[in-house]
Amino acid sequence: SGDTTTYADSVKGRFSISRDNAKNMAYLQ
């Protein structure tokens, strides 16, 4: 909730999590 991100070691540097509060959506790039 405070925007701290955590990643599995296997995806670090390749995946990115984010959210759009206005659209009420979360994403995984």
mmCIF file of all heavy atoms, coordinates in Angstrom:
data_MODEL
# 
_entry.id   MODEL 
# 
loop_
_atom_site.group_PDB 
_atom_site.id 
_atom_site.type_symbol 
_atom_site.label_atom_id 
_atom_site.label_alt_id 
_atom_site.label_comp_id 
_atom_site.label_asym_id 
_atom_site.label_entity_id 
_atom_site.label_seq_id 
_atom_site.pdbx_PDB_ins_code 
_atom_site.Cartn_x 
_atom_site.Cartn_y 
_atom_site.Cartn_z 
_atom_site.occupancy 
_atom_site.B_iso_or_equiv 
_atom_site.pdbx_formal_charge 
_atom_site.auth_seq_id 
_atom_site.auth_comp_id 
_atom_site.auth_asym_id 
_atom_site.auth_atom_id 
_atom_site.pdbx_PDB_model_num 
ATOM 1   N N   . SER A 1 1  ? 0.837   -1.203  0.000   1.00 0.00 ? 1  SER A N   1 
ATOM 2   C CA  . SER A 1 1  ? 0.000   0.000   0.000   1.00 0.00 ? 1  SER A CA  1 
ATOM 3   C C   . SER A 1 1  ? 0.872   1.253   0.000   1.00 0.00 ? 1  SER A C   1 
ATOM 4   O O   . SER A 1 1  ? 0.431   2.310   -0.454  1.00 0.00 ? 1  SER A O   1 
ATOM 5   C CB  . SER A 1 1  ? -0.939  -0.006  1.204   1.00 0.00 ? 1  SER A CB  1 
ATOM 6   O OG  . SER A 1 1  ? -0.193  -0.119  2.401   1.00 0.00 ? 1  SER A OG  1 
ATOM 7   N N   . GLY A 1 2  ? 2.108   1.118   0.467   1.00 0.00 ? 2  GLY A N   1 
ATOM 8   C CA  . GLY A 1 2  ? 3.036   2.243   0.470   1.00 0.00 ? 2  GLY A CA  1 
ATOM 9   C C   . GLY A 1 2  ? 3.958   2.270   -0.732  1.00 0.00 ? 2  GLY A C   1 
ATOM 10  O O   . GLY A 1 2  ? 4.959   3.002   -0.753  1.00 0.00 ? 2  GLY A O   1 
ATOM 11  N N   . ASP A 1 3  ? 3.633   1.439   -1.750  1.00 0.00 ? 3  ASP A N   1 
ATOM 12  C CA  . ASP A 1 3  ? 4.364   1.402   -3.023  1.00 0.00 ? 3  ASP A CA  1 
ATOM 13  C C   . ASP A 1 3  ? 5.736   0.749   -2.946  1.00 0.00 ? 3  ASP A C   1 
ATOM 14  O O   . ASP A 1 3  ? 6.560   0.928   -3.846  1.00 0.00 ? 3  ASP A O   1 
ATOM 15  C CB  . ASP A 1 3  ? 4.498   2.797   -3.646  1.00 0.00 ? 3  ASP A CB  1 
ATOM 16  C CG  . ASP A 1 3  ? 3.177   3.329   -4.158  1.00 0.00 ? 3  ASP A CG  1 
ATOM 17  O OD1 . ASP A 1 3  ? 2.272   2.514   -4.439  1.00 0.00 ? 3  ASP A OD1 1 
ATOM 18  O OD2 . ASP A 1 3  ? 3.047   4.555   -4.264  1.00 0.00 ? 3  ASP A OD2 1 
ATOM 19  N N   . THR A 1 4  ? 5.973   -0.015  -1.903  1.00 0.00 ? 4  THR A N   1 
ATOM 20  C CA  . THR A 1 4  ? 7.193   -0.820  -1.871  1.00 0.00 ? 4  THR A CA  1 
ATOM 21  C C   . THR A 1 4  ? 6.986   -2.055  -2.732  1.00 0.00 ? 4  THR A C   1 
ATOM 22  O O   . THR A 1 4  ? 5.980   -2.750  -2.589  1.00 0.00 ? 4  THR A O   1 
ATOM 23  C CB  . THR A 1 4  ? 7.525   -1.254  -0.436  1.00 0.00 ? 4  THR A CB  1 
ATOM 24  O OG1 . THR A 1 4  ? 7.753   -0.082  0.360   1.00 0.00 ? 4  THR A OG1 1 
ATOM 25  C CG2 . THR A 1 4  ? 8.765   -2.132  -0.408  1.00 0.00 ? 4  THR A CG2 1 
ATOM 26  N N   . THR A 1 5  ? 7.941   -2.308  -3.622  1.00 0.00 ? 5  THR A N   1 
ATOM 27  C CA  . THR A 1 5  ? 7.816   -3.443  -4.530  1.00 0.00 ? 5  THR A CA  1 
ATOM 28  C C   . THR A 1 5  ? 8.760   -4.574  -4.123  1.00 0.00 ? 5  THR A C   1 
ATOM 29  O O   . THR A 1 5  ? 9.852   -4.337  -3.615  1.00 0.00 ? 5  THR A O   1 
ATOM 30  C CB  . THR A 1 5  ? 8.099   -3.045  -5.977  1.00 0.00 ? 5  THR A CB  1 
ATOM 31  O OG1 . THR A 1 5  ? 9.387   -2.433  -6.053  1.00 0.00 ? 5  THR A OG1 1 
ATOM 32  C CG2 . THR A 1 5  ? 7.055   -2.068  -6.478  1.00 0.00 ? 5  THR A CG2 1 
ATOM 33  N N   . THR A 1 6  ? 8.302   -5.786  -4.369  1.00 0.00 ? 6  THR A N   1 
ATOM 34  C CA  . THR A 1 6  ? 9.072   -7.001  -4.096  1.00 0.00 ? 6  THR A CA  1 
ATOM 35  C C   . THR A 1 6  ? 8.967   -7.895  -5.316  1.00 0.00 ? 6  THR A C   1 
ATOM 36  O O   . THR A 1 6  ? 7.883   -8.021  -5.889  1.00 0.00 ? 6  THR A O   1 
ATOM 37  C CB  . THR A 1 6  ? 8.511   -7.749  -2.875  1.00 0.00 ? 6  THR A CB  1 
ATOM 38  O OG1 . THR A 1 6  ? 8.485   -6.868  -1.750  1.00 0.00 ? 6  THR A OG1 1 
ATOM 39  C CG2 . THR A 1 6  ? 9.353   -8.963  -2.543  1.00 0.00 ? 6  THR A CG2 1 
ATOM 40  N N   . TYR A 1 7  ? 10.095  -8.525  -5.681  1.00 0.00 ? 7  TYR A N   1 
ATOM 41  C CA  . TYR A 1 7  ? 10.117  -9.400  -6.849  1.00 0.00 ? 7  TYR A CA  1 
ATOM 42  C C   . TYR A 1 7  ? 10.785  -10.724 -6.508  1.00 0.00 ? 7  TYR A C   1 
ATOM 43  O O   . TYR A 1 7  ? 11.730  -10.772 -5.721  1.00 0.00 ? 7  TYR A O   1 
ATOM 44  C CB  . TYR A 1 7  ? 10.880  -8.755  -8.003  1.00 0.00 ? 7  TYR A CB  1 
ATOM 45  C CG  . TYR A 1 7  ? 10.229  -7.504  -8.542  1.00 0.00 ? 7  TYR A CG  1 
ATOM 46  C CD1 . TYR A 1 7  ? 10.591  -6.247  -8.074  1.00 0.00 ? 7  TYR A CD1 1 
ATOM 47  C CD2 . TYR A 1 7  ? 9.220   -7.584  -9.507  1.00 0.00 ? 7  TYR A CD2 1 
ATOM 48  C CE1 . TYR A 1 7  ? 9.978   -5.102  -8.552  1.00 0.00 ? 7  TYR A CE1 1 
ATOM 49  C CE2 . TYR A 1 7  ? 8.612   -6.443  -9.999  1.00 0.00 ? 7  TYR A CE2 1 
ATOM 50  C CZ  . TYR A 1 7  ? 8.994   -5.204  -9.514  1.00 0.00 ? 7  TYR A CZ  1 
ATOM 51  O OH  . TYR A 1 7  ? 8.382   -4.075  -9.992  1.00 0.00 ? 7  TYR A OH  1 
ATOM 52  N N   . ALA A 1 8  ? 10.320  -11.774 -7.157  1.00 0.00 ? 8  ALA A N   1 
ATOM 53  C CA  . ALA A 1 8  ? 11.032  -13.038 -7.082  1.00 0.00 ? 8  ALA A CA  1 
ATOM 54  C C   . ALA A 1 8  ? 12.392  -12.870 -7.748  1.00 0.00 ? 8  ALA A C   1 
ATOM 55  O O   . ALA A 1 8  ? 12.514  -12.134 -8.739  1.00 0.00 ? 8  ALA A O   1 
ATOM 56  C CB  . ALA A 1 8  ? 10.234  -14.130 -7.781  1.00 0.00 ? 8  ALA A CB  1 
ATOM 57  N N   . ASP A 1 9  ? 13.392  -13.538 -7.242  1.00 0.00 ? 9  ASP A N   1 
ATOM 58  C CA  . ASP A 1 9  ? 14.734  -13.422 -7.819  1.00 0.00 ? 9  ASP A CA  1 
ATOM 59  C C   . ASP A 1 9  ? 14.731  -13.774 -9.306  1.00 0.00 ? 9  ASP A C   1 
ATOM 60  O O   . ASP A 1 9  ? 15.476  -13.177 -10.092 1.00 0.00 ? 9  ASP A O   1 
ATOM 61  C CB  . ASP A 1 9  ? 15.711  -14.340 -7.078  1.00 0.00 ? 9  ASP A CB  1 
ATOM 62  C CG  . ASP A 1 9  ? 16.056  -13.833 -5.690  1.00 0.00 ? 9  ASP A CG  1 
ATOM 63  O OD1 . ASP A 1 9  ? 15.805  -12.637 -5.411  1.00 0.00 ? 9  ASP A OD1 1 
ATOM 64  O OD2 . ASP A 1 9  ? 16.561  -14.621 -4.879  1.00 0.00 ? 9  ASP A OD2 1 
ATOM 65  N N   . SER A 1 10 ? 13.890  -14.710 -9.678  1.00 0.00 ? 10 SER A N   1 
ATOM 66  C CA  . SER A 1 10 ? 13.881  -15.194 -11.055 1.00 0.00 ? 10 SER A CA  1 
ATOM 67  C C   . SER A 1 10 ? 13.366  -14.167 -12.062 1.00 0.00 ? 10 SER A C   1 
ATOM 68  O O   . SER A 1 10 ? 13.581  -14.324 -13.273 1.00 0.00 ? 10 SER A O   1 
ATOM 69  C CB  . SER A 1 10 ? 13.045  -16.472 -11.160 1.00 0.00 ? 10 SER A CB  1 
ATOM 70  O OG  . SER A 1 10 ? 11.721  -16.221 -10.732 1.00 0.00 ? 10 SER A OG  1 
ATOM 71  N N   . VAL A 1 11 ? 12.697  -13.119 -11.573 1.00 0.00 ? 11 VAL A N   1 
ATOM 72  C CA  . VAL A 1 11 ? 12.125  -12.128 -12.492 1.00 0.00 ? 11 VAL A CA  1 
ATOM 73  C C   . VAL A 1 11 ? 12.714  -10.736 -12.305 1.00 0.00 ? 11 VAL A C   1 
ATOM 74  O O   . VAL A 1 11 ? 12.355  -9.813  -13.061 1.00 0.00 ? 11 VAL A O   1 
ATOM 75  C CB  . VAL A 1 11 ? 10.587  -12.067 -12.381 1.00 0.00 ? 11 VAL A CB  1 
ATOM 76  C CG1 . VAL A 1 11 ? 9.984   -13.460 -12.533 1.00 0.00 ? 11 VAL A CG1 1 
ATOM 77  C CG2 . VAL A 1 11 ? 10.147  -11.425 -11.078 1.00 0.00 ? 11 VAL A CG2 1 
ATOM 78  N N   . LYS A 1 12 ? 13.573  -10.559 -11.329 1.00 0.00 ? 12 LYS A N   1 
ATOM 79  C CA  . LYS A 1 12 ? 14.158  -9.234  -11.085 1.00 0.00 ? 12 LYS A CA  1 
ATOM 80  C C   . LYS A 1 12 ? 14.875  -8.723  -12.328 1.00 0.00 ? 12 LYS A C   1 
ATOM 81  O O   . LYS A 1 12 ? 15.617  -9.445  -12.976 1.00 0.00 ? 12 LYS A O   1 
ATOM 82  C CB  . LYS A 1 12 ? 15.143  -9.311  -9.920  1.00 0.00 ? 12 LYS A CB  1 
ATOM 83  C CG  . LYS A 1 12 ? 14.486  -9.334  -8.558  1.00 0.00 ? 12 LYS A CG  1 
ATOM 84  C CD  . LYS A 1 12 ? 15.519  -9.387  -7.437  1.00 0.00 ? 12 LYS A CD  1 
ATOM 85  C CE  . LYS A 1 12 ? 14.866  -9.447  -6.080  1.00 0.00 ? 12 LYS A CE  1 
ATOM 86  N NZ  . LYS A 1 12 ? 15.852  -9.596  -4.985  1.00 0.00 ? 12 LYS A NZ  1 
ATOM 87  N N   . GLY A 1 13 ? 14.598  -7.472  -12.649 1.00 0.00 ? 13 GLY A N   1 
ATOM 88  C CA  . GLY A 1 13 ? 15.206  -6.863  -13.821 1.00 0.00 ? 13 GLY A CA  1 
ATOM 89  C C   . GLY A 1 13 ? 14.446  -7.118  -15.104 1.00 0.00 ? 13 GLY A C   1 
ATOM 90  O O   . GLY A 1 13 ? 14.742  -6.513  -16.141 1.00 0.00 ? 13 GLY A O   1 
ATOM 91  N N   . ARG A 1 14 ? 13.484  -8.040  -15.062 1.00 0.00 ? 14 ARG A N   1 
ATOM 92  C CA  . ARG A 1 14 ? 12.702  -8.349  -16.272 1.00 0.00 ? 14 ARG A CA  1 
ATOM 93  C C   . ARG A 1 14 ? 11.230  -7.961  -16.129 1.00 0.00 ? 14 ARG A C   1 
ATOM 94  O O   . ARG A 1 14 ? 10.603  -7.569  -17.110 1.00 0.00 ? 14 ARG A O   1 
ATOM 95  C CB  . ARG A 1 14 ? 12.795  -9.843  -16.588 1.00 0.00 ? 14 ARG A CB  1 
ATOM 96  C CG  . ARG A 1 14 ? 14.203  -10.350 -16.833 1.00 0.00 ? 14 ARG A CG  1 
ATOM 97  C CD  . ARG A 1 14 ? 14.195  -11.796 -17.346 1.00 0.00 ? 14 ARG A CD  1 
ATOM 98  N NE  . ARG A 1 14 ? 13.634  -12.723 -16.385 1.00 0.00 ? 14 ARG A NE  1 
ATOM 99  C CZ  . ARG A 1 14 ? 12.592  -13.532 -16.644 1.00 0.00 ? 14 ARG A CZ  1 
ATOM 100 N NH1 . ARG A 1 14 ? 12.002  -13.494 -17.821 1.00 0.00 ? 14 ARG A NH1 1 
ATOM 101 N NH2 . ARG A 1 14 ? 12.150  -14.378 -15.711 1.00 0.00 ? 14 ARG A NH2 1 
ATOM 102 N N   . PHE A 1 15 ? 10.686  -8.105  -14.929 1.00 0.00 ? 15 PHE A N   1 
ATOM 103 C CA  . PHE A 1 15 ? 9.274   -7.832  -14.676 1.00 0.00 ? 15 PHE A CA  1 
ATOM 104 C C   . PHE A 1 15 ? 9.129   -6.558  -13.842 1.00 0.00 ? 15 PHE A C   1 
ATOM 105 O O   . PHE A 1 15 ? 10.000  -6.235  -13.017 1.00 0.00 ? 15 PHE A O   1 
ATOM 106 C CB  . PHE A 1 15 ? 8.630   -8.981  -13.923 1.00 0.00 ? 15 PHE A CB  1 
ATOM 107 C CG  . PHE A 1 15 ? 8.462   -10.261 -14.709 1.00 0.00 ? 15 PHE A CG  1 
ATOM 108 C CD1 . PHE A 1 15 ? 9.079   -10.472 -15.928 1.00 0.00 ? 15 PHE A CD1 1 
ATOM 109 C CD2 . PHE A 1 15 ? 7.659   -11.286 -14.195 1.00 0.00 ? 15 PHE A CD2 1 
ATOM 110 C CE1 . PHE A 1 15 ? 8.919   -11.646 -16.632 1.00 0.00 ? 15 PHE A CE1 1 
ATOM 111 C CE2 . PHE A 1 15 ? 7.489   -12.469 -14.886 1.00 0.00 ? 15 PHE A CE2 1 
ATOM 112 C CZ  . PHE A 1 15 ? 8.131   -12.648 -16.107 1.00 0.00 ? 15 PHE A CZ  1 
ATOM 113 N N   . SER A 1 16 ? 7.986   -5.904  -14.026 1.00 0.00 ? 16 SER A N   1 
ATOM 114 C CA  . SER A 1 16 ? 7.711   -4.694  -13.251 1.00 0.00 ? 16 SER A CA  1 
ATOM 115 C C   . SER A 1 16 ? 6.236   -4.640  -12.897 1.00 0.00 ? 16 SER A C   1 
ATOM 116 O O   . SER A 1 16 ? 5.376   -4.765  -13.766 1.00 0.00 ? 16 SER A O   1 
ATOM 117 C CB  . SER A 1 16 ? 8.105   -3.459  -14.050 1.00 0.00 ? 16 SER A CB  1 
ATOM 118 O OG  . SER A 1 16 ? 7.804   -2.285  -13.335 1.00 0.00 ? 16 SER A OG  1 
ATOM 119 N N   . ILE A 1 17 ? 5.954   -4.447  -11.611 1.00 0.00 ? 17 ILE A N   1 
ATOM 120 C CA  . ILE A 1 17 ? 4.576   -4.331  -11.149 1.00 0.00 ? 17 ILE A CA  1 
ATOM 121 C C   . ILE A 1 17 ? 4.227   -2.856  -10.972 1.00 0.00 ? 17 ILE A C   1 
ATOM 122 O O   . ILE A 1 17 ? 5.070   -2.049  -10.554 1.00 0.00 ? 17 ILE A O   1 
ATOM 123 C CB  . ILE A 1 17 ? 4.368   -5.114  -9.822  1.00 0.00 ? 17 ILE A CB  1 
ATOM 124 C CG1 . ILE A 1 17 ? 2.896   -5.151  -9.443  1.00 0.00 ? 17 ILE A CG1 1 
ATOM 125 C CG2 . ILE A 1 17 ? 5.221   -4.532  -8.696  1.00 0.00 ? 17 ILE A CG2 1 
ATOM 126 C CD1 . ILE A 1 17 ? 2.586   -6.087  -8.274  1.00 0.00 ? 17 ILE A CD1 1 
ATOM 127 N N   . SER A 1 18 ? 2.994   -2.515  -11.300 1.00 0.00 ? 18 SER A N   1 
ATOM 128 C CA  . SER A 1 18 ? 2.547   -1.131  -11.132 1.00 0.00 ? 18 SER A CA  1 
ATOM 129 C C   . SER A 1 18 ? 1.038   -1.117  -10.948 1.00 0.00 ? 18 SER A C   1 
ATOM 130 O O   . SER A 1 18 ? 0.381   -2.157  -11.068 1.00 0.00 ? 18 SER A O   1 
ATOM 131 C CB  . SER A 1 18 ? 2.941   -0.290  -12.356 1.00 0.00 ? 18 SER A CB  1 
ATOM 132 O OG  . SER A 1 18 ? 2.291   -0.771  -13.520 1.00 0.00 ? 18 SER A OG  1 
ATOM 133 N N   . ARG A 1 19 ? 0.511   0.053   -10.646 1.00 0.00 ? 19 ARG A N   1 
ATOM 134 C CA  . ARG A 1 19 ? -0.950  0.194   -10.556 1.00 0.00 ? 19 ARG A CA  1 
ATOM 135 C C   . ARG A 1 19 ? -1.344  1.585   -10.987 1.00 0.00 ? 19 ARG A C   1 
ATOM 136 O O   . ARG A 1 19 ? -0.566  2.536   -10.900 1.00 0.00 ? 19 ARG A O   1 
ATOM 137 C CB  . ARG A 1 19 ? -1.453  -0.101  -9.148  1.00 0.00 ? 19 ARG A CB  1 
ATOM 138 C CG  . ARG A 1 19 ? -0.857  0.750   -8.051  1.00 0.00 ? 19 ARG A CG  1 
ATOM 139 C CD  . ARG A 1 19 ? -1.345  0.262   -6.691  1.00 0.00 ? 19 ARG A CD  1 
ATOM 140 N NE  . ARG A 1 19 ? -0.489  0.770   -5.625  1.00 0.00 ? 19 ARG A NE  1 
ATOM 141 C CZ  . ARG A 1 19 ? -0.360  0.188   -4.449  1.00 0.00 ? 19 ARG A CZ  1 
ATOM 142 N NH1 . ARG A 1 19 ? -1.025  -0.935  -4.178  1.00 0.00 ? 19 ARG A NH1 1 
ATOM 143 N NH2 . ARG A 1 19 ? 0.432   0.713   -3.545  1.00 0.00 ? 19 ARG A NH2 1 
ATOM 144 N N   . ASP A 1 20 ? -2.560  1.648   -11.502 1.00 0.00 ? 20 ASP A N   1 
ATOM 145 C CA  . ASP A 1 20 ? -3.164  2.912   -11.907 1.00 0.00 ? 20 ASP A CA  1 
ATOM 146 C C   . ASP A 1 20 ? -4.360  3.136   -11.000 1.00 0.00 ? 20 ASP A C   1 
ATOM 147 O O   . ASP A 1 20 ? -5.405  2.490   -11.162 1.00 0.00 ? 20 ASP A O   1 
ATOM 148 C CB  . ASP A 1 20 ? -3.577  2.833   -13.385 1.00 0.00 ? 20 ASP A CB  1 
ATOM 149 C CG  . ASP A 1 20 ? -4.105  4.157   -13.909 1.00 0.00 ? 20 ASP A CG  1 
ATOM 150 O OD1 . ASP A 1 20 ? -4.751  4.892   -13.135 1.00 0.00 ? 20 ASP A OD1 1 
ATOM 151 O OD2 . ASP A 1 20 ? -3.902  4.436   -15.100 1.00 0.00 ? 20 ASP A OD2 1 
ATOM 152 N N   . ASN A 1 21 ? -4.205  4.021   -10.057 1.00 0.00 ? 21 ASN A N   1 
ATOM 153 C CA  . ASN A 1 21 ? -5.266  4.227   -9.058  1.00 0.00 ? 21 ASN A CA  1 
ATOM 154 C C   . ASN A 1 21 ? -6.532  4.800   -9.690  1.00 0.00 ? 21 ASN A C   1 
ATOM 155 O O   . ASN A 1 21 ? -7.644  4.453   -9.284  1.00 0.00 ? 21 ASN A O   1 
ATOM 156 C CB  . ASN A 1 21 ? -4.758  5.140   -7.949  1.00 0.00 ? 21 ASN A CB  1 
ATOM 157 C CG  . ASN A 1 21 ? -3.600  4.522   -7.187  1.00 0.00 ? 21 ASN A CG  1 
ATOM 158 O OD1 . ASN A 1 21 ? -3.438  3.309   -7.149  1.00 0.00 ? 21 ASN A OD1 1 
ATOM 159 N ND2 . ASN A 1 21 ? -2.767  5.364   -6.578  1.00 0.00 ? 21 ASN A ND2 1 
ATOM 160 N N   . ALA A 1 22 ? -6.379  5.644   -10.685 1.00 0.00 ? 22 ALA A N   1 
ATOM 161 C CA  . ALA A 1 22 ? -7.541  6.249   -11.328 1.00 0.00 ? 22 ALA A CA  1 
ATOM 162 C C   . ALA A 1 22 ? -8.386  5.201   -12.058 1.00 0.00 ? 22 ALA A C   1 
ATOM 163 O O   . ALA A 1 22 ? -9.620  5.290   -12.073 1.00 0.00 ? 22 ALA A O   1 
ATOM 164 C CB  . ALA A 1 22 ? -7.087  7.331   -12.293 1.00 0.00 ? 22 ALA A CB  1 
ATOM 165 N N   . LYS A 1 23 ? -7.711  4.213   -12.642 1.00 0.00 ? 23 LYS A N   1 
ATOM 166 C CA  . LYS A 1 23 ? -8.423  3.157   -13.367 1.00 0.00 ? 23 LYS A CA  1 
ATOM 167 C C   . LYS A 1 23 ? -8.738  1.961   -12.478 1.00 0.00 ? 23 LYS A C   1 
ATOM 168 O O   . LYS A 1 23 ? -9.422  1.036   -12.911 1.00 0.00 ? 23 LYS A O   1 
ATOM 169 C CB  . LYS A 1 23 ? -7.595  2.701   -14.574 1.00 0.00 ? 23 LYS A CB  1 
ATOM 170 C CG  . LYS A 1 23 ? -7.424  3.770   -15.642 1.00 0.00 ? 23 LYS A CG  1 
ATOM 171 C CD  . LYS A 1 23 ? -6.622  3.235   -16.822 1.00 0.00 ? 23 LYS A CD  1 
ATOM 172 C CE  . LYS A 1 23 ? -6.488  4.290   -17.900 1.00 0.00 ? 23 LYS A CE  1 
ATOM 173 N NZ  . LYS A 1 23 ? -5.699  3.794   -19.064 1.00 0.00 ? 23 LYS A NZ  1 
ATOM 174 N N   . ASN A 1 24 ? -8.183  1.969   -11.269 1.00 0.00 ? 24 ASN A N   1 
ATOM 175 C CA  . ASN A 1 24 ? -8.334  0.854   -10.338 1.00 0.00 ? 24 ASN A CA  1 
ATOM 176 C C   . ASN A 1 24 ? -7.833  -0.452  -10.948 1.00 0.00 ? 24 ASN A C   1 
ATOM 177 O O   . ASN A 1 24 ? -8.497  -1.500  -10.896 1.00 0.00 ? 24 ASN A O   1 
ATOM 178 C CB  . ASN A 1 24 ? -9.785  0.691   -9.878  1.00 0.00 ? 24 ASN A CB  1 
ATOM 179 C CG  . ASN A 1 24 ? -9.863  0.159   -8.458  1.00 0.00 ? 24 ASN A CG  1 
ATOM 180 O OD1 . ASN A 1 24 ? -8.980  0.397   -7.631  1.00 0.00 ? 24 ASN A OD1 1 
ATOM 181 N ND2 . ASN A 1 24 ? -10.928 -0.570  -8.158  1.00 0.00 ? 24 ASN A ND2 1 
ATOM 182 N N   . MET A 1 25 ? -6.643  -0.360  -11.526 1.00 0.00 ? 25 MET A N   1 
ATOM 183 C CA  . MET A 1 25 ? -6.022  -1.494  -12.211 1.00 0.00 ? 25 MET A CA  1 
ATOM 184 C C   . MET A 1 25 ? -4.623  -1.729  -11.660 1.00 0.00 ? 25 MET A C   1 
ATOM 185 O O   . MET A 1 25 ? -3.939  -0.801  -11.240 1.00 0.00 ? 25 MET A O   1 
ATOM 186 C CB  . MET A 1 25 ? -5.896  -1.214  -13.703 1.00 0.00 ? 25 MET A CB  1 
ATOM 187 C CG  . MET A 1 25 ? -7.179  -0.929  -14.443 1.00 0.00 ? 25 MET A CG  1 
ATOM 188 S SD  . MET A 1 25 ? -8.024  -2.417  -14.959 1.00 0.00 ? 25 MET A SD  1 
ATOM 189 C CE  . MET A 1 25 ? -6.903  -3.000  -16.235 1.00 0.00 ? 25 MET A CE  1 
ATOM 190 N N   . ALA A 1 26 ? -4.204  -2.980  -11.716 1.00 0.00 ? 26 ALA A N   1 
ATOM 191 C CA  . ALA A 1 26 ? -2.811  -3.334  -11.444 1.00 0.00 ? 26 ALA A CA  1 
ATOM 192 C C   . ALA A 1 26 ? -2.248  -4.002  -12.698 1.00 0.00 ? 26 ALA A C   1 
ATOM 193 O O   . ALA A 1 26 ? -2.997  -4.597  -13.479 1.00 0.00 ? 26 ALA A O   1 
ATOM 194 C CB  . ALA A 1 26 ? -2.709  -4.268  -10.252 1.00 0.00 ? 26 ALA A CB  1 
ATOM 195 N N   . TYR A 1 27 ? -0.923  -3.888  -12.854 1.00 0.00 ? 27 TYR A N   1 
ATOM 196 C CA  . TYR A 1 27 ? -0.294  -4.397  -14.059 1.00 0.00 ? 27 TYR A CA  1 
ATOM 197 C C   . TYR A 1 27 ? 0.967   -5.177  -13.715 1.00 0.00 ? 27 TYR A C   1 
ATOM 198 O O   . TYR A 1 27 ? 1.612   -4.941  -12.693 1.00 0.00 ? 27 TYR A O   1 
ATOM 199 C CB  . TYR A 1 27 ? 0.090   -3.239  -14.987 1.00 0.00 ? 27 TYR A CB  1 
ATOM 200 C CG  . TYR A 1 27 ? -1.061  -2.365  -15.381 1.00 0.00 ? 27 TYR A CG  1 
ATOM 201 C CD1 . TYR A 1 27 ? -1.299  -1.162  -14.716 1.00 0.00 ? 27 TYR A CD1 1 
ATOM 202 C CD2 . TYR A 1 27 ? -1.925  -2.732  -16.408 1.00 0.00 ? 27 TYR A CD2 1 
ATOM 203 C CE1 . TYR A 1 27 ? -2.359  -0.353  -15.063 1.00 0.00 ? 27 TYR A CE1 1 
ATOM 204 C CE2 . TYR A 1 27 ? -2.997  -1.925  -16.764 1.00 0.00 ? 27 TYR A CE2 1 
ATOM 205 C CZ  . TYR A 1 27 ? -3.205  -0.733  -16.086 1.00 0.00 ? 27 TYR A CZ  1 
ATOM 206 O OH  . TYR A 1 27 ? -4.266  0.069   -16.444 1.00 0.00 ? 27 TYR A OH  1 
ATOM 207 N N   . LEU A 1 28 ? 1.314   -6.073  -14.635 1.00 0.00 ? 28 LEU A N   1 
ATOM 208 C CA  . LEU A 1 28 ? 2.605   -6.743  -14.562 1.00 0.00 ? 28 LEU A CA  1 
ATOM 209 C C   . LEU A 1 28 ? 3.216   -6.682  -15.959 1.00 0.00 ? 28 LEU A C   1 
ATOM 210 O O   . LEU A 1 28 ? 2.728   -7.341  -16.878 1.00 0.00 ? 28 LEU A O   1 
ATOM 211 C CB  . LEU A 1 28 ? 2.463   -8.194  -14.104 1.00 0.00 ? 28 LEU A CB  1 
ATOM 212 C CG  . LEU A 1 28 ? 3.790   -8.943  -13.933 1.00 0.00 ? 28 LEU A CG  1 
ATOM 213 C CD1 . LEU A 1 28 ? 4.582   -8.359  -12.740 1.00 0.00 ? 28 LEU A CD1 1 
ATOM 214 C CD2 . LEU A 1 28 ? 3.556   -10.446 -13.717 1.00 0.00 ? 28 LEU A CD2 1 
ATOM 215 N N   . GLN A 1 29 ? 4.240   -5.862  -16.100 1.00 0.00 ? 29 GLN A N   1 
ATOM 216 C CA  . GLN A 1 29 ? 4.970   -5.781  -17.356 1.00 0.00 ? 29 GLN A CA  1 
ATOM 217 C C   . GLN A 1 29 ? 6.058   -6.851  -17.339 1.00 0.00 ? 29 GLN A C   1 
ATOM 218 O O   . GLN A 1 29 ? 6.900   -6.866  -16.427 1.00 0.00 ? 29 GLN A O   1 
ATOM 219 C CB  . GLN A 1 29 ? 5.594   -4.402  -17.534 1.00 0.00 ? 29 GLN A CB  1 
ATOM 220 C CG  . GLN A 1 29 ? 6.414   -4.254  -18.800 1.00 0.00 ? 29 GLN A CG  1 
ATOM 221 C CD  . GLN A 1 29 ? 5.592   -4.331  -20.066 1.00 0.00 ? 29 GLN A CD  1 
ATOM 222 O OE1 . GLN A 1 29 ? 4.514   -3.745  -20.144 1.00 0.00 ? 29 GLN A OE1 1 
ATOM 223 N NE2 . GLN A 1 29 ? 6.084   -5.071  -21.060 1.00 0.00 ? 29 GLN A NE2 1 
# 
